[in-house]
Each structure stands twice: as C-alpha cells, then as structure tokens.
Amino acid sequence: MSSPLRPLGTSDLRVFPLALGGNVFGWSADERQSFAVLDAYAAAGGNFLDTADVYSEWVEGNEGGESETIIGRWMASRGNRSDVVVATKVGHHSRLKGLAAPTIKAGAEESLRRLGTDHIDLYYTHFDDESVPVEEIVTALDQLVKEGKVRAVAASNISPERLRASLDFAEAEGLARYVALQPEYNLVAREKYEGPLLDVVAGAGLAAVPYFGLASGFLTGKYRPGRTVESVRARSASAHAETARGRAVLTALDEVAEAHGAEPATVALAWLASRPTVAAPIASARTVEQLPALVAVADLTLTADELARLTAASGTTGSGTTEG
C-alpha cells in the first residue's frame, strides 16, 4: 500500500489518512498483541498514533499511561521514532485533572517519560477546562513548544467559543496555536461537529482528527439488530442498530461496500476522510486481523453518488444535518 501522507492543518506534520487509536493498548490488547498491531500498521504505511495519558486507567489494576508505555517500548524496540507521528493528550487523568499550567507541564513530562522520547509530535488538551482561562492554557502549551518538548498543539472536546478564543489569543500574542481538533464524528454522530465547531475549524485552517470514527465498532457492520456480539464495546455499538438512522446507514454501507468489494468499516472511514477539514479519522484494532479494513481507507475513493447516498442515510432521524 502506498498512499501520500496528508498535511495536518497548518503544521509541518504529515500523516497517514488513518490514525491508529491506542486506547486498546494495555486494555483489550496486551503488549504482545499491541506490538503485532503496531507492526502491521507501520508495514501498511501508517505513521500516526493516537494515545493519551489516561489510557487505560479505567481497567482494574491499571493506573493510566499503559498505552503510552507500550507505544514507547515498541518505538524503542523498532528504532523508528523518527518515522512516527505520536499524538497524546493531557487533562483527563485522575492524578492530573484539568488544564492549569502546572498540570499541563507535569502531564507532558510524564508522557515523555512513558513514551521514551524527547518530544511529543501533537499534544492535545483532552477535555477543555473552563475553570482555566484560555490565556493560561495557550501560554502553557506554547512554553512546551518553545522548549522543544512538543512540535504542535491541538484540542479535543471543546466548545466553538473556547476554541475561537484560544486561536484568537494565540494569534494576537504570537504563540503556538492549535493546528487540529479531535471531535467525535462519524456516520451516526454528526451533530456535535457539523455546525459552529466545524465552521471555526474550517475558518482557521485546522485539521479534524475524529474519534469514534467507527462508532465504537458499530460501523464495522458486525452489530446488527438481534445479533449478540461479545465485545467490551458491545452495549454502545449495539444501541445504534436499534435506531432508524443506524439501520439506514448499515443498508447504505452494505450497498457501497459490495460495489467496491470492500468492508463496511473501510467505506465508513472513507466517507469520514472525505468530509471537509478531516485529515485522518481515528480507529483502533485489537488484533492484526482487524487492521486491513482500517488501513484500506488509504486506497478507497468513493464516487460522489456513493458519498451522497451515505450522507443521506446518516440523516435519517431528521434531527441531524443531511447536507453533503
């Protein structure tokens, strides 16, 4: 597979059109499984890893940082740090909650240690902390950039107003500005991103790197009405199968996938990758067998009619936008 890397917003980072989610590393995939998935992703041309300091604190016996540690060990064992764009996040770990300047600094240092590197390529604020002025957050992130510990900064889970204020302050003061946003966005969840938030992202030239690109696995097509699937995400994924929108999207995915001899997951990611501002959707693989359908997005181009068919199906509820 050979696919040109995409520019990430206004940064000098260039990324594969599918970011590999690291949330499963140290959770549903142990270190051996994680290394195998990472090796297969790199072999397919992938270079964009997404993790966070909190992954996977929610697992009994874990303390958070397990995913970063696994990725760090993998890069060290493969000697490929310079070939990988590593994105991680700060602000959601129970020991480092919020975005006060000292928290951001401490979080970065801990992530650098676990990753075994001297710099983070893309550093996200995981959840906005409205108790902290944007001026303090942006200044703290800029300091990390000036120190060479972070190459570019980004935001996730933030309101359009706070994102705009952050960008305005960075521009006025000549500080490092956000280059990307990580929103929840997929064929069955469009309302949170499409609208004012997308307008800010597009207007500022940011890249979108959507999470839940496959709606917790629903858009792989394995969750169907009346079907039981054994998975840690089964409850959230199966809920979509009971909605009119979910059923309509599955039908459209099946039709387009059949036309291309592709997997539904590949088609869902290709639709997402085609949307305005999107640089690379995020999707995770617990096993090597799950990976081909994800990385195949780099080689799948949908027709205008197919994109319109999927877009229309995803608006079936009537409550969300159906504009293409």
Protein backbone atom coordinates (compact mmCIF):
# COMPACT_ATOMS: atom_id res chain seq x y z
CA MET A 1 0.00 0.00 0.00
CA SER A 2 1.40 3.35 -0.96
CA SER A 3 -0.57 6.44 -0.09
CA PRO A 4 0.63 10.02 0.06
CA LEU A 5 0.68 11.44 3.55
CA ARG A 6 -1.70 14.29 4.29
CA PRO A 7 -0.74 17.64 5.82
CA LEU A 8 -2.08 18.13 9.33
CA GLY A 9 -3.67 21.55 9.31
CA THR A 10 -1.16 24.39 9.37
CA SER A 11 1.60 22.28 10.96
CA ASP A 12 4.58 20.71 9.24
CA LEU A 13 3.35 17.25 10.26
CA ARG A 14 2.30 14.86 7.52
CA VAL A 15 0.16 11.89 8.46
CA PHE A 16 -1.30 8.67 7.09
CA PRO A 17 -5.05 9.03 6.37
CA LEU A 18 -5.90 6.64 9.22
CA ALA A 19 -4.71 7.38 12.75
CA LEU A 20 -4.27 4.22 14.80
CA GLY A 21 -6.09 4.54 18.11
CA GLY A 22 -4.02 3.45 21.11
CA ASN A 23 -6.89 3.23 23.58
CA VAL A 24 -6.94 -0.58 23.33
CA PHE A 25 -3.23 -0.98 24.13
CA GLY A 26 -2.98 -2.21 27.71
CA TRP A 27 -6.74 -2.76 27.82
CA SER A 28 -8.21 -5.29 25.37
CA ALA A 29 -4.82 -5.83 23.71
CA ASP A 30 -1.81 -6.85 25.78
CA GLU A 31 1.74 -5.79 24.89
CA ARG A 32 2.37 -8.70 22.53
CA GLN A 33 -0.89 -8.11 20.65
CA SER A 34 -0.28 -4.36 20.60
CA PHE A 35 3.20 -4.78 19.12
CA ALA A 36 1.76 -7.02 16.39
CA VAL A 37 -0.92 -4.44 15.50
CA LEU A 38 1.63 -1.61 15.53
CA ASP A 39 3.99 -3.60 13.28
CA ALA A 40 1.21 -4.34 10.80
CA TYR A 41 0.07 -0.71 10.77
CA ALA A 42 3.61 0.52 10.09
CA ALA A 43 4.07 -2.11 7.37
CA ALA A 44 0.94 -0.74 5.67
CA GLY A 45 2.48 2.74 5.58
CA GLY A 46 0.86 4.04 8.74
CA ASN A 47 2.70 6.64 10.80
CA PHE A 48 0.08 8.37 13.01
CA LEU A 49 -0.51 7.03 16.54
CA ASP A 50 -3.14 8.45 18.88
CA THR A 51 -2.96 7.87 22.63
CA ALA A 52 -3.49 9.69 25.95
CA ASP A 53 -2.06 9.73 29.46
CA VAL A 54 -5.36 8.35 30.80
CA TYR A 55 -5.35 5.21 28.57
CA SER A 56 -6.25 2.83 30.19
CA GLU A 57 -6.79 3.99 33.75
CA TRP A 58 -10.36 2.59 33.73
CA VAL A 59 -9.10 -1.01 33.74
CA GLU A 60 -8.83 -2.65 37.16
CA GLY A 61 -5.18 -2.81 38.15
CA ASN A 62 -4.11 -0.08 35.71
CA GLU A 63 -3.04 3.42 36.71
CA GLY A 64 -3.13 5.12 33.32
CA GLY A 65 -0.27 5.57 30.89
CA GLU A 66 -0.24 1.90 29.86
CA SER A 67 -0.86 2.76 26.21
CA GLU A 68 1.92 5.34 26.12
CA THR A 69 4.30 2.87 27.76
CA ILE A 70 3.54 0.18 25.20
CA ILE A 71 3.97 2.61 22.30
CA GLY A 72 7.24 3.84 23.80
CA ARG A 73 8.59 0.31 24.17
CA TRP A 74 7.53 -0.52 20.63
CA MET A 75 9.29 2.53 19.16
CA ALA A 76 12.43 1.78 21.18
CA SER A 77 12.49 -1.87 20.10
CA ARG A 78 11.93 -0.99 16.44
CA GLY A 79 14.18 2.09 16.37
CA ASN A 80 11.59 4.01 14.38
CA ARG A 81 10.82 7.09 16.49
CA SER A 82 11.65 9.47 13.65
CA ASP A 83 9.15 7.71 11.37
CA VAL A 84 6.20 8.01 13.75
CA VAL A 85 3.88 10.95 14.49
CA VAL A 86 2.87 10.48 18.12
CA ALA A 87 -0.21 12.28 19.43
CA THR A 88 -1.10 12.18 23.11
CA LYS A 89 -3.32 14.14 25.48
CA VAL A 90 -3.41 15.84 28.86
CA GLY A 91 -6.09 16.83 31.33
CA HIS A 92 -8.24 13.76 31.92
CA HIS A 93 -6.05 11.56 34.13
CA SER A 94 -7.35 11.36 37.71
CA ARG A 95 -3.96 12.47 39.09
CA LEU A 96 -3.57 15.27 36.56
CA LYS A 97 -7.08 16.57 36.09
CA GLY A 98 -7.78 19.84 34.32
CA LEU A 99 -5.66 22.28 32.35
CA ALA A 100 -3.94 24.54 34.86
CA ALA A 101 -0.45 25.43 33.64
CA PRO A 102 1.37 23.22 36.20
CA THR A 103 -0.87 20.28 35.26
CA ILE A 104 -0.09 20.65 31.57
CA LYS A 105 3.65 20.82 32.30
CA ALA A 106 3.60 17.80 34.63
CA GLY A 107 1.45 15.80 32.22
CA ALA A 108 3.84 16.43 29.35
CA GLU A 109 6.85 15.35 31.40
CA GLU A 110 5.15 12.11 32.43
CA SER A 111 4.05 11.36 28.87
CA LEU A 112 7.55 11.99 27.55
CA ARG A 113 8.96 9.57 30.13
CA ARG A 114 6.49 6.81 29.31
CA LEU A 115 6.91 7.28 25.57
CA GLY A 116 10.68 7.22 25.96
CA THR A 117 11.12 10.25 23.74
CA ASP A 118 12.31 13.85 23.98
CA HIS A 119 9.32 15.29 22.11
CA ILE A 120 5.61 14.77 21.50
CA ASP A 121 4.59 15.46 17.91
CA LEU A 122 1.00 16.50 18.61
CA TYR A 123 -0.20 17.39 22.11
CA TYR A 124 -3.94 17.67 22.78
CA THR A 125 -5.90 19.16 25.62
CA HIS A 126 -8.11 16.10 26.19
CA PHE A 127 -11.15 17.90 27.62
CA ASP A 128 -11.45 21.64 27.92
CA ASP A 129 -11.28 23.04 31.45
CA GLU A 130 -13.45 26.14 31.52
CA SER A 131 -12.26 26.99 35.04
CA VAL A 132 -8.91 27.94 33.47
CA PRO A 133 -8.63 30.98 31.18
CA VAL A 134 -7.67 30.14 27.61
CA GLU A 135 -4.75 32.53 28.04
CA GLU A 136 -3.20 30.28 30.71
CA ILE A 137 -3.75 27.11 28.69
CA VAL A 138 -2.36 28.51 25.44
CA THR A 139 0.65 30.05 27.19
CA ALA A 140 1.47 26.76 28.93
CA LEU A 141 1.26 24.85 25.66
CA ASP A 142 3.37 27.46 23.88
CA GLN A 143 6.07 27.05 26.53
CA LEU A 144 6.28 23.34 25.76
CA VAL A 145 6.70 24.16 22.07
CA LYS A 146 9.41 26.72 22.83
CA GLU A 147 11.24 24.12 24.94
CA GLY A 148 11.14 21.64 22.06
CA LYS A 149 9.10 19.14 24.03
CA VAL A 150 6.07 19.47 21.74
CA ARG A 151 6.01 20.07 18.00
CA ALA A 152 2.38 21.11 17.58
CA VAL A 153 -0.66 21.58 19.81
CA ALA A 154 -4.31 20.67 19.40
CA ALA A 155 -7.62 20.49 21.25
CA SER A 156 -10.36 17.94 21.83
CA ASN A 157 -13.81 18.17 23.40
CA ILE A 158 -14.02 21.97 23.36
CA SER A 159 -16.79 24.44 22.54
CA PRO A 160 -16.66 26.59 19.40
CA GLU A 161 -16.45 29.70 21.58
CA ARG A 162 -13.47 28.50 23.63
CA LEU A 163 -11.72 27.18 20.52
CA ARG A 164 -12.14 30.53 18.78
CA ALA A 165 -10.94 32.43 21.87
CA SER A 166 -7.87 30.18 22.12
CA LEU A 167 -6.98 30.75 18.47
CA ASP A 168 -7.52 34.50 18.75
CA PHE A 169 -5.28 34.79 21.81
CA ALA A 170 -2.51 32.70 20.24
CA GLU A 171 -2.59 34.80 17.09
CA ALA A 172 -2.64 38.11 18.96
CA GLU A 173 0.32 37.15 21.15
CA GLY A 174 2.31 35.24 18.55
CA LEU A 175 2.07 31.97 20.48
CA ALA A 176 1.71 28.41 19.25
CA ARG A 177 -1.85 27.97 18.00
CA TYR A 178 -3.91 24.84 17.72
CA VAL A 179 -3.40 23.04 14.41
CA ALA A 180 -6.02 20.34 14.87
CA LEU A 181 -9.21 19.39 16.65
CA GLN A 182 -10.24 15.90 17.73
CA PRO A 183 -14.06 15.79 17.73
CA GLU A 184 -16.50 12.90 17.99
CA TYR A 185 -17.63 12.43 14.41
CA ASN A 186 -18.92 9.53 12.33
CA LEU A 187 -21.83 8.47 10.15
CA VAL A 188 -24.17 8.10 13.12
CA ALA A 189 -22.88 11.07 15.15
CA ARG A 190 -22.65 14.24 13.08
CA GLU A 191 -24.44 16.88 15.15
CA LYS A 192 -21.65 17.58 17.64
CA TYR A 193 -19.19 18.58 14.95
CA GLU A 194 -21.11 19.81 11.92
CA GLY A 195 -22.14 23.38 12.56
CA PRO A 196 -20.39 26.09 14.62
CA LEU A 197 -17.45 23.87 15.60
CA LEU A 198 -16.70 22.83 12.03
CA ASP A 199 -17.04 26.47 10.99
CA VAL A 200 -14.28 27.51 13.41
CA VAL A 201 -12.04 24.63 12.34
CA ALA A 202 -12.50 25.36 8.64
CA GLY A 203 -12.11 29.10 9.04
CA ALA A 204 -8.84 28.73 10.93
CA GLY A 205 -7.38 26.07 8.65
CA LEU A 206 -7.29 23.40 11.35
CA ALA A 207 -7.40 19.69 10.63
CA ALA A 208 -10.03 17.42 12.16
CA VAL A 209 -8.90 14.05 13.51
CA PRO A 210 -12.22 12.44 14.52
CA TYR A 211 -12.51 9.92 17.32
CA PHE A 212 -15.16 7.17 17.44
CA GLY A 213 -14.72 7.04 13.66
CA LEU A 214 -16.43 3.64 13.65
CA ALA A 215 -18.97 4.46 16.39
CA SER A 216 -17.42 2.04 18.90
CA GLY A 217 -17.38 -0.67 16.23
CA PHE A 218 -20.96 -0.31 15.00
CA LEU A 219 -19.83 0.83 11.55
CA THR A 220 -17.81 -2.34 11.03
CA GLY A 221 -21.14 -3.96 10.23
CA LYS A 222 -20.86 -6.76 12.78
CA TYR A 223 -23.55 -5.27 15.04
CA ARG A 224 -26.97 -5.96 13.57
CA PRO A 225 -30.50 -5.89 15.04
CA GLY A 226 -30.99 -9.02 17.13
CA ARG A 227 -27.35 -10.11 16.88
CA THR A 228 -25.23 -10.59 20.02
CA VAL A 229 -21.54 -9.70 19.79
CA GLU A 230 -19.01 -10.38 22.53
CA SER A 231 -17.05 -7.15 22.94
CA VAL A 232 -16.17 -4.61 25.63
CA ARG A 233 -17.99 -2.07 23.44
CA ALA A 234 -21.00 -4.20 22.55
CA ARG A 235 -23.54 -2.18 24.53
CA SER A 236 -22.74 1.22 23.00
CA ALA A 237 -22.27 -0.19 19.50
CA SER A 238 -25.42 -2.32 19.54
CA ALA A 239 -27.58 0.64 20.58
CA HIS A 240 -27.11 2.16 17.11
CA ALA A 241 -28.57 -0.97 15.49
CA GLU A 242 -31.91 -0.24 17.10
CA THR A 243 -32.29 3.24 15.58
CA ALA A 244 -33.71 4.21 12.20
CA ARG A 245 -30.52 6.06 11.40
CA GLY A 246 -28.37 3.08 12.33
CA ARG A 247 -30.35 0.69 10.15
CA ALA A 248 -30.33 3.10 7.20
CA VAL A 249 -26.58 3.61 7.49
CA LEU A 250 -25.95 -0.15 7.61
CA THR A 251 -28.00 -0.63 4.45
CA ALA A 252 -26.09 2.10 2.62
CA LEU A 253 -22.75 0.79 3.87
CA ASP A 254 -23.59 -2.73 2.68
CA GLU A 255 -24.53 -1.48 -0.80
CA VAL A 256 -21.43 0.68 -1.27
CA ALA A 257 -19.12 -1.94 0.25
CA GLU A 258 -20.46 -4.60 -2.12
CA ALA A 259 -19.88 -2.34 -5.11
CA HIS A 260 -16.21 -1.98 -4.17
CA GLY A 261 -15.59 -5.44 -2.74
CA ALA A 262 -14.70 -3.63 0.48
CA GLU A 263 -15.53 -3.96 4.15
CA PRO A 264 -18.24 -1.69 5.66
CA ALA A 265 -15.61 -0.27 8.05
CA THR A 266 -13.46 0.85 5.13
CA VAL A 267 -16.41 2.57 3.49
CA ALA A 268 -17.42 4.32 6.74
CA LEU A 269 -13.89 5.63 7.20
CA ALA A 270 -13.66 6.68 3.55
CA TRP A 271 -16.84 8.73 3.95
CA LEU A 272 -15.35 10.37 7.03
CA ALA A 273 -12.00 11.00 5.35
CA SER A 274 -13.83 12.76 2.51
CA ARG A 275 -15.56 15.27 4.78
CA PRO A 276 -14.44 18.91 4.88
CA THR A 277 -11.50 19.53 7.26
CA VAL A 278 -10.91 15.83 8.05
CA ALA A 279 -7.25 14.80 7.75
CA ALA A 280 -7.35 11.36 9.33
CA PRO A 281 -10.08 9.50 11.21
CA ILE A 282 -9.02 7.51 14.26
CA ALA A 283 -9.79 3.81 14.56
CA SER A 284 -8.32 1.14 16.79
CA ALA A 285 -7.57 -2.52 16.20
CA ARG A 286 -7.29 -5.08 18.97
CA THR A 287 -5.93 -7.74 16.62
CA VAL A 288 -3.93 -7.81 13.39
CA GLU A 289 -6.95 -9.34 11.65
CA GLN A 290 -8.98 -6.18 12.30
CA LEU A 291 -6.39 -3.88 10.75
CA PRO A 292 -6.64 -4.41 6.96
CA ALA A 293 -10.16 -2.98 6.79
CA LEU A 294 -8.93 0.16 8.54
CA VAL A 295 -5.77 0.93 6.58
CA ALA A 296 -7.61 0.15 3.31
CA VAL A 297 -9.20 3.60 3.61
CA ALA A 298 -5.99 4.98 2.09
CA ASP A 299 -6.81 3.27 -1.22
CA LEU A 300 -10.59 3.61 -1.40
CA THR A 301 -12.14 6.54 -3.25
CA LEU A 302 -15.92 6.75 -3.20
CA THR A 303 -17.91 8.33 -6.01
CA ALA A 304 -19.93 11.49 -5.49
CA ASP A 305 -23.13 9.43 -5.71
CA GLU A 306 -21.89 6.97 -3.10
CA LEU A 307 -20.90 9.75 -0.73
CA ALA A 308 -24.30 11.36 -1.20
CA ARG A 309 -26.03 8.02 -0.52
CA LEU A 310 -24.17 7.59 2.77
CA THR A 311 -24.70 11.20 3.78
CA ALA A 312 -28.44 10.96 3.15
CA ALA A 313 -28.71 7.71 5.12
CA SER A 314 -26.88 9.25 8.07
CA GLY A 315 -29.53 11.95 8.30
CA THR A 316 -32.44 9.53 8.54
CA THR A 317 -33.56 10.61 12.03
CA GLY A 318 -34.40 14.06 10.74
CA SER A 319 -32.70 15.65 13.74
CA GLY A 320 -29.28 15.99 12.14
CA THR A 321 -27.99 17.77 9.09
CA THR A 322 -28.24 15.90 5.81
CA GLU A 323 -26.23 18.34 3.78
CA GLY A 324 -23.31 16.89 1.88
